[in-house]
Amino acid sequence: MIHTLQTSARKVIEEHQRAKLTADESTNFVDALLAPAAPNTALRAAFGRYQREVHA
């Protein structure tokens, strides 16, 4: 009985932790990975700060 409860509990936890996307969300996610947007001003500034901190 305890084994069955543990198995069921693990299954519930795994399902809860797994990200579930709609078809549109999945398509948008893959599109963003395959063709990322160009970096904007804020991202360029953040990267500049990162480089100064890491390479200082």
Protein backbone atom coordinates (compact mmCIF):
# COMPACT_ATOMS: atom_id res chain seq x y z
CA MET A 1 0.00 0.00 0.00
CA ILE A 2 2.79 2.45 0.87
CA HIS A 3 4.56 1.64 -2.40
CA THR A 4 1.39 2.43 -4.36
CA LEU A 5 0.99 5.75 -2.54
CA GLN A 6 4.62 6.67 -3.16
CA THR A 7 4.33 5.80 -6.84
CA SER A 8 1.16 7.85 -7.17
CA ALA A 9 2.72 10.78 -5.32
CA ARG A 10 5.79 10.74 -7.56
CA LYS A 11 3.59 10.71 -10.65
CA VAL A 12 1.56 13.70 -9.42
CA ILE A 13 4.71 15.66 -8.58
CA GLU A 14 6.31 14.90 -11.96
CA GLU A 15 3.17 15.94 -13.84
CA HIS A 16 2.96 19.16 -11.83
CA GLN A 17 6.60 20.05 -12.51
CA ARG A 18 6.41 19.37 -16.24
CA ALA A 19 5.76 22.46 -18.36
CA LYS A 20 2.69 22.10 -20.51
CA LEU A 21 2.38 24.34 -23.54
CA THR A 22 -0.49 24.87 -25.91
CA ALA A 23 0.16 24.26 -29.61
CA ASP A 24 0.54 28.02 -30.22
CA GLU A 25 2.91 28.43 -27.26
CA SER A 26 4.99 25.52 -28.45
CA THR A 27 5.21 26.96 -31.96
CA ASN A 28 6.17 30.39 -30.63
CA PHE A 29 8.82 28.88 -28.37
CA VAL A 30 10.43 26.91 -31.20
CA ASP A 31 10.26 29.90 -33.56
CA ALA A 32 12.04 32.05 -30.96
CA LEU A 33 14.77 29.43 -30.57
CA LEU A 34 15.28 29.05 -34.32
CA ALA A 35 15.13 32.75 -35.17
CA PRO A 36 15.82 34.86 -32.08
CA ALA A 37 15.06 38.58 -32.14
CA ALA A 38 17.95 40.99 -32.51
CA PRO A 39 19.29 42.28 -29.18
CA ASN A 40 17.70 45.55 -28.09
CA THR A 41 19.42 48.49 -26.40
CA ALA A 42 18.83 47.18 -22.88
CA LEU A 43 20.31 43.78 -23.73
CA ARG A 44 23.34 45.35 -25.37
CA ALA A 45 23.89 47.53 -22.29
CA ALA A 46 23.54 44.52 -19.97
CA PHE A 47 26.04 42.56 -22.04
CA GLY A 48 28.47 45.49 -21.89
CA ARG A 49 28.17 45.57 -18.09
CA TYR A 50 28.68 41.81 -17.96
CA GLN A 51 31.82 42.01 -20.07
CA ARG A 52 33.27 44.79 -17.92
CA GLU A 53 32.56 42.84 -14.72
CA VAL A 54 33.84 39.48 -15.95
CA HIS A 55 36.89 40.73 -17.80
CA ALA A 56 37.90 43.33 -15.21
